[in-house]
Protein backbone atom coordinates (compact mmCIF):
# COMPACT_ATOMS: atom_id res chain seq x y z
CA UNK A 1 7.31 9.95 19.09
CA UNK A 2 10.32 7.67 19.15
CA UNK A 3 12.17 9.48 21.90
CA UNK A 4 14.36 6.52 22.68
CA UNK A 5 14.54 5.18 19.11
CA UNK A 6 14.06 1.67 20.43
CA UNK A 7 12.35 0.46 17.26
CA UNK A 8 9.02 0.07 19.01
CA UNK A 9 5.83 1.72 17.85
CA UNK A 10 4.03 3.86 20.41
CA UNK A 11 0.25 3.85 20.64
CA UNK A 12 0.17 7.43 19.32
CA UNK A 13 2.17 6.40 16.24
CA UNK A 14 -0.06 3.36 15.80
CA UNK A 15 -3.18 5.50 16.10
CA UNK A 16 -1.86 8.14 13.67
CA UNK A 17 -1.18 5.50 11.03
CA UNK A 18 -4.05 3.06 11.53
CA UNK A 19 -6.97 5.32 12.49
CA UNK A 20 -9.46 4.70 9.72
CA UNK A 21 -12.55 6.52 10.92
CA UNK A 22 -14.25 3.20 11.62
CA UNK A 23 -12.59 2.01 14.83
CA UNK A 24 -12.88 4.17 17.94
CA UNK A 25 -9.82 5.21 19.94
CA UNK A 26 -10.70 2.58 22.55
CA UNK A 27 -11.00 -0.11 19.87
CA UNK A 28 -7.65 0.96 18.40
CA UNK A 29 -6.07 0.83 21.85
CA UNK A 30 -7.45 -2.67 22.43
CA UNK A 31 -6.14 -3.77 19.04
CA UNK A 32 -2.74 -2.17 19.71
CA UNK A 33 -2.27 -4.01 23.00
CA UNK A 34 -3.60 -7.24 21.50
CA UNK A 35 -1.08 -7.06 18.65
CA UNK A 36 1.69 -5.90 20.97
CA UNK A 37 1.46 -9.06 23.06
CA UNK A 38 1.31 -11.61 20.24
CA UNK A 39 3.13 -12.86 17.21
CA UNK A 40 1.07 -11.25 14.45
CA UNK A 41 2.58 -13.05 11.49
CA UNK A 42 -0.22 -15.61 11.73
CA UNK A 43 -2.84 -12.93 11.07
CA UNK A 44 -1.36 -11.86 7.75
CA UNK A 45 -2.82 -14.74 5.73
CA UNK A 46 -2.24 -14.33 2.02
CA UNK A 47 -0.86 -10.85 2.63
CA UNK A 48 2.36 -12.31 4.06
CA UNK A 49 3.27 -13.47 0.53
CA UNK A 50 2.02 -10.19 -0.96
CA UNK A 51 4.13 -8.06 1.38
CA UNK A 52 7.16 -10.25 0.77
CA UNK A 53 6.69 -9.92 -3.00
CA UNK A 54 6.28 -6.14 -2.68
CA UNK A 55 9.52 -5.90 -0.74
CA UNK A 56 11.32 -7.86 -3.47
CA UNK A 57 9.64 -5.76 -6.17
CA UNK A 58 10.71 -2.55 -4.45
CA UNK A 59 14.33 -3.71 -4.36
CA UNK A 60 14.21 -4.80 -8.02
CA UNK A 61 12.68 -1.51 -9.20
CA UNK A 62 15.19 0.58 -7.24
CA UNK A 63 18.05 -1.52 -8.62
CA UNK A 64 16.75 -1.05 -12.19
CA UNK A 65 16.39 2.70 -11.65
CA UNK A 66 19.95 2.93 -10.30
CA UNK A 67 21.25 1.09 -13.36
CA UNK A 68 19.18 3.36 -15.61
CA UNK A 69 20.66 6.44 -13.96
CA UNK A 70 24.18 5.12 -14.56
CA UNK A 71 23.74 3.90 -18.14
CA UNK A 72 20.94 5.88 -19.82
CA UNK A 73 23.01 8.74 -21.26
CA UNK A 74 25.54 6.36 -22.83
CA UNK A 75 22.88 4.08 -24.32
CA UNK A 76 21.96 3.90 -27.99
CA UNK A 77 18.79 5.52 -29.27
CA UNK A 78 17.13 2.09 -29.21
CA UNK A 79 18.41 1.43 -25.69
CA UNK A 80 17.05 4.75 -24.45
CA UNK A 81 13.71 4.08 -26.15
CA UNK A 82 13.45 0.64 -24.52
CA UNK A 83 14.34 2.13 -21.14
CA UNK A 84 11.65 4.81 -21.44
CA UNK A 85 9.12 2.20 -22.54
CA UNK A 86 9.98 -0.11 -19.65
CA UNK A 87 9.71 2.73 -17.13
CA UNK A 88 6.30 3.75 -18.53
CA UNK A 89 5.08 0.14 -18.57
CA UNK A 90 6.31 -0.51 -15.03
CA UNK A 91 4.64 2.68 -13.83
CA UNK A 92 1.42 1.78 -15.65
CA UNK A 93 1.32 -1.71 -14.13
CA UNK A 94 1.93 -0.35 -10.64
CA UNK A 95 -0.74 2.32 -11.08
CA UNK A 96 -3.23 -0.31 -12.24
CA UNK A 97 -2.45 -2.42 -9.19
CA UNK A 98 -2.77 0.62 -6.94
CA UNK A 99 -6.20 1.46 -8.40
CA UNK A 100 -7.39 -2.12 -7.82
CA UNK A 101 -6.15 -2.00 -4.24
CA UNK A 102 -7.79 1.38 -3.67
CA UNK A 103 -11.09 0.00 -4.95
CA UNK A 104 -10.81 -3.01 -2.63
CA UNK A 105 -10.01 -0.73 0.32
CA UNK A 106 -13.01 1.48 -0.45
CA UNK A 107 -15.29 -1.55 -0.69
CA UNK A 108 -14.02 -3.03 2.58
CA UNK A 109 -14.27 0.32 4.37
CA UNK A 110 -17.82 0.77 3.08
CA UNK A 111 -18.76 -2.67 4.41
CA UNK A 112 -17.13 -1.87 7.76
CA UNK A 113 -18.72 1.53 8.22
CA UNK A 114 -21.55 1.76 10.71
CA UNK A 115 -22.75 5.06 9.29
CA UNK A 116 -24.29 5.54 5.86
CA UNK A 117 -21.64 6.33 3.30
CA UNK A 118 -21.52 7.60 -0.24
CA UNK A 119 -21.14 3.97 -1.39
CA UNK A 120 -24.54 3.07 0.04
CA UNK A 121 -26.18 6.09 -1.57
CA UNK A 122 -25.36 4.78 -5.02
CA UNK A 123 -22.19 6.75 -5.65
CA UNK A 124 -19.23 4.63 -6.64
CA UNK A 125 -15.68 5.75 -7.23
CA UNK A 126 -14.93 6.00 -10.94
CA UNK A 127 -11.66 4.15 -10.44
CA UNK A 128 -13.62 1.14 -9.18
CA UNK A 129 -16.02 1.09 -12.11
CA UNK A 130 -13.37 1.17 -14.80
CA UNK A 131 -13.61 -2.53 -15.59
CA UNK A 132 -17.39 -2.89 -15.14
């Protein structure tokens, strides 16, 4: 899609990524051109801080993994154990966050849907019920 590699997102790319089964193609097109002509940072609300934190987290995790790759083999048994534990714990925390986000997305999509969905029929994703 990026024939000219100008860093701009085409409508087709936008549609491929953001089509959610709720908005029609015309609604997506209207949204695309609305966003295209404005500064959208004001629409991010609390998610501006979230996305910024995620970017920093991504850099920190990649840096830690690079250091692990360099130093793991030469580490003591205790050092290797701690590294494995920290990787498992980091992965577990990220998975927990991902499951919470998935549940929130499912709930928001169910509220946005104009057609009956499995949520309205009494079926709820097991991942969303875990803490109930």
